[in-house]
Amino acid sequence: MSSSASGESSGRSMESRTGRSKQRYNTKGERLVAGIVPLTPDQNYVLLIQSTRRKGWVLPKGGWESDETCQEAAEREAWEEAGISIQINYDLGDIEEKRPQKSSKDRSRYHFFEGTVTNEFDEWPERHKRERQWFTFTQAWEALTTRPELQEALNRCTMNRL
């Protein structure tokens, strides 16, 4: 599942974004974040990426911007952070921030989708910052122990529990 082409999803070219000028927030001041649980076609493996802020692994996710749908944001983040294109299969819904409360402006509300990885690209925007690796459900669950909101997204997906 590898390709060296540039990222295309849903027939449109993907562009990397920077900054938060178009970032969406809810009425509580929480940053709205879109994410993806990227699975192999047989649903035996999930792709995790290296966190840039902390040590460890995370699901691809990032800010949902004002000029895109939540699903488009999840697809864009999959491309920017993991170098993959995906076919969305399920909407996994909203997940509240589970980490200890700081201030509301540091909090996020997550919305995850489940998707099948249709391409892995050799070149992608954050390839120099992030590694990516396939995990079984059990391996991913253990890798995400410090991120209960990401474990919740994993738990909601239809992945095979190996």
Protein backbone atom coordinates (compact mmCIF):
# COMPACT_ATOMS: atom_id res chain seq x y z
CA MET A 1 0.00 0.00 0.00
CA SER A 2 2.57 2.57 -1.03
CA SER A 3 2.69 5.30 -3.62
CA SER A 4 4.90 8.25 -4.32
CA ALA A 5 2.17 10.45 -5.79
CA SER A 6 0.99 13.56 -4.01
CA GLY A 7 -2.07 13.26 -1.78
CA GLU A 8 -5.46 13.22 -3.35
CA SER A 9 -8.63 12.37 -1.53
CA SER A 10 -12.16 12.48 -2.84
CA GLY A 11 -10.74 13.55 -6.20
CA ARG A 12 -9.41 16.86 -4.93
CA SER A 13 -5.86 17.93 -4.29
CA MET A 14 -4.85 18.19 -0.66
CA GLU A 15 -2.95 21.20 0.59
CA SER A 16 -1.18 21.50 3.90
CA ARG A 17 -2.36 24.31 6.17
CA THR A 18 -0.63 26.22 8.92
CA GLY A 19 -1.82 28.58 11.64
CA ARG A 20 -5.16 28.79 13.40
CA SER A 21 -6.81 31.80 11.76
CA LYS A 22 -9.71 29.64 10.49
CA GLN A 23 -9.90 27.43 13.59
CA ARG A 24 -13.40 26.61 14.87
CA TYR A 25 -14.36 26.81 18.56
CA ASN A 26 -17.62 25.88 20.29
CA THR A 27 -19.61 28.04 22.69
CA LYS A 28 -17.54 26.72 25.64
CA GLY A 29 -14.36 27.95 23.96
CA GLU A 30 -13.16 24.42 23.19
CA ARG A 31 -11.12 23.96 20.00
CA LEU A 32 -12.95 21.68 17.55
CA VAL A 33 -10.68 18.87 16.38
CA ALA A 34 -11.36 16.35 13.60
CA GLY A 35 -9.63 12.99 13.59
CA ILE A 36 -9.46 9.67 11.83
CA VAL A 37 -9.06 6.05 12.93
CA PRO A 38 -7.23 4.79 9.80
CA LEU A 39 -7.60 1.04 9.22
CA THR A 40 -6.30 -1.53 6.76
CA PRO A 41 -8.97 -2.92 4.39
CA ASP A 42 -9.16 -6.16 6.45
CA GLN A 43 -9.63 -4.05 9.62
CA ASN A 44 -6.80 -5.89 11.42
CA TYR A 45 -4.47 -2.88 11.80
CA VAL A 46 -4.72 0.82 12.70
CA LEU A 47 -2.14 3.42 11.65
CA LEU A 48 -0.74 5.57 14.46
CA ILE A 49 1.63 8.50 14.09
CA GLN A 50 4.33 9.91 16.34
CA SER A 51 3.17 12.85 18.44
CA THR A 52 5.18 16.03 17.79
CA ARG A 53 4.46 17.54 21.22
CA ARG A 54 4.94 14.54 23.48
CA LYS A 55 6.65 11.22 23.20
CA GLY A 56 4.43 8.42 22.01
CA TRP A 57 1.79 7.61 19.43
CA VAL A 58 -1.49 9.31 18.48
CA LEU A 59 -4.25 9.08 15.88
CA PRO A 60 -4.12 11.64 13.05
CA LYS A 61 -6.18 14.65 14.13
CA GLY A 62 -6.17 18.41 14.04
CA GLY A 63 -8.18 21.59 13.93
CA TRP A 64 -11.46 21.72 12.03
CA GLU A 65 -11.37 24.95 10.04
CA SER A 66 -14.23 27.27 9.11
CA ASP A 67 -14.04 26.65 5.35
CA GLU A 68 -14.35 22.85 5.45
CA THR A 69 -16.66 20.14 6.75
CA CYS A 70 -15.57 18.06 9.72
CA GLN A 71 -15.05 15.07 7.40
CA GLU A 72 -12.90 17.17 5.04
CA ALA A 73 -10.81 18.26 8.04
CA ALA A 74 -10.28 14.61 9.07
CA GLU A 75 -9.24 13.72 5.50
CA ARG A 76 -6.85 16.70 5.38
CA GLU A 77 -5.27 15.80 8.73
CA ALA A 78 -4.80 12.19 7.57
CA TRP A 79 -2.85 13.53 4.58
CA GLU A 80 -0.86 16.22 6.46
CA GLU A 81 0.13 14.14 9.47
CA ALA A 82 0.20 10.54 8.21
CA GLY A 83 0.64 10.83 4.45
CA ILE A 84 -2.42 8.74 3.69
CA SER A 85 -5.61 9.03 1.72
CA ILE A 86 -8.69 7.46 3.25
CA GLN A 87 -12.19 6.34 2.44
CA ILE A 88 -14.47 7.37 5.33
CA ASN A 89 -16.61 4.43 6.49
CA TYR A 90 -18.23 5.61 9.73
CA ASP A 91 -18.82 8.74 11.78
CA LEU A 92 -17.68 7.85 15.31
CA GLY A 93 -19.14 11.00 16.85
CA ASP A 94 -17.94 13.54 19.41
CA ILE A 95 -15.54 12.71 22.22
CA GLU A 96 -14.89 15.04 25.14
CA GLU A 97 -11.42 16.03 26.24
CA LYS A 98 -10.38 13.56 28.92
CA ARG A 99 -7.15 15.15 30.11
CA PRO A 100 -7.20 17.18 33.33
CA GLN A 101 -8.85 20.61 32.95
CA LYS A 102 -6.49 23.49 32.37
CA SER A 103 -8.34 26.49 30.99
CA SER A 104 -11.17 26.21 28.46
CA LYS A 105 -8.98 27.67 25.72
CA ASP A 106 -6.58 24.72 26.11
CA ARG A 107 -9.40 22.21 25.79
CA SER A 108 -10.58 20.40 22.71
CA ARG A 109 -13.72 18.62 21.56
CA TYR A 110 -12.87 15.75 19.23
CA HIS A 111 -14.93 14.35 16.36
CA PHE A 112 -13.62 11.11 14.90
CA PHE A 113 -14.30 9.14 11.75
CA GLU A 114 -13.30 5.60 10.87
CA GLY A 115 -11.73 5.14 7.47
CA THR A 116 -9.96 2.65 5.26
CA VAL A 117 -6.50 3.68 4.07
CA THR A 118 -6.55 3.72 0.26
CA ASN A 119 -2.97 4.99 -0.28
CA GLU A 120 0.21 5.57 1.71
CA PHE A 121 2.45 8.23 0.20
CA ASP A 122 6.24 8.53 0.44
CA GLU A 123 6.03 12.33 0.50
CA TRP A 124 3.67 14.23 2.81
CA PRO A 125 3.75 17.57 4.67
CA GLU A 126 4.83 16.30 8.13
CA ARG A 127 7.04 13.37 7.05
CA HIS A 128 10.12 14.97 8.66
CA LYS A 129 8.32 15.42 12.01
CA ARG A 130 6.40 12.15 12.30
CA GLU A 131 6.85 8.43 11.95
CA ARG A 132 3.87 6.22 11.17
CA GLN A 133 3.37 2.62 12.17
CA TRP A 134 0.67 -0.07 11.92
CA PHE A 135 -0.63 -1.53 15.21
CA THR A 136 -3.07 -4.28 16.20
CA PHE A 137 -5.98 -3.17 18.40
CA THR A 138 -4.23 -4.36 21.58
CA GLN A 139 -0.92 -2.71 20.63
CA ALA A 140 -2.69 0.56 19.77
CA TRP A 141 -4.75 0.50 23.00
CA GLU A 142 -1.53 0.16 25.02
CA ALA A 143 0.24 2.87 22.95
CA LEU A 144 -2.64 5.30 23.66
CA THR A 145 -2.86 4.77 27.45
CA THR A 146 -2.02 8.41 28.19
CA ARG A 147 -4.70 9.62 25.73
CA PRO A 148 -8.08 8.26 26.89
CA GLU A 149 -9.99 10.33 24.31
CA LEU A 150 -8.03 8.57 21.54
CA GLN A 151 -8.65 5.20 23.19
CA GLU A 152 -12.36 6.06 23.12
CA ALA A 153 -12.20 6.67 19.35
CA LEU A 154 -10.36 3.36 18.91
CA ASN A 155 -12.94 1.59 21.06
CA ARG A 156 -15.81 2.97 18.94
CA CYS A 157 -14.33 1.75 15.65
CA THR A 158 -15.19 -1.56 13.97
CA MET A 159 -11.58 -2.78 13.92
CA ASN A 160 -10.89 -6.45 14.67
CA ARG A 161 -9.81 -6.87 18.28
CA LEU A 162 -6.49 -8.75 17.87
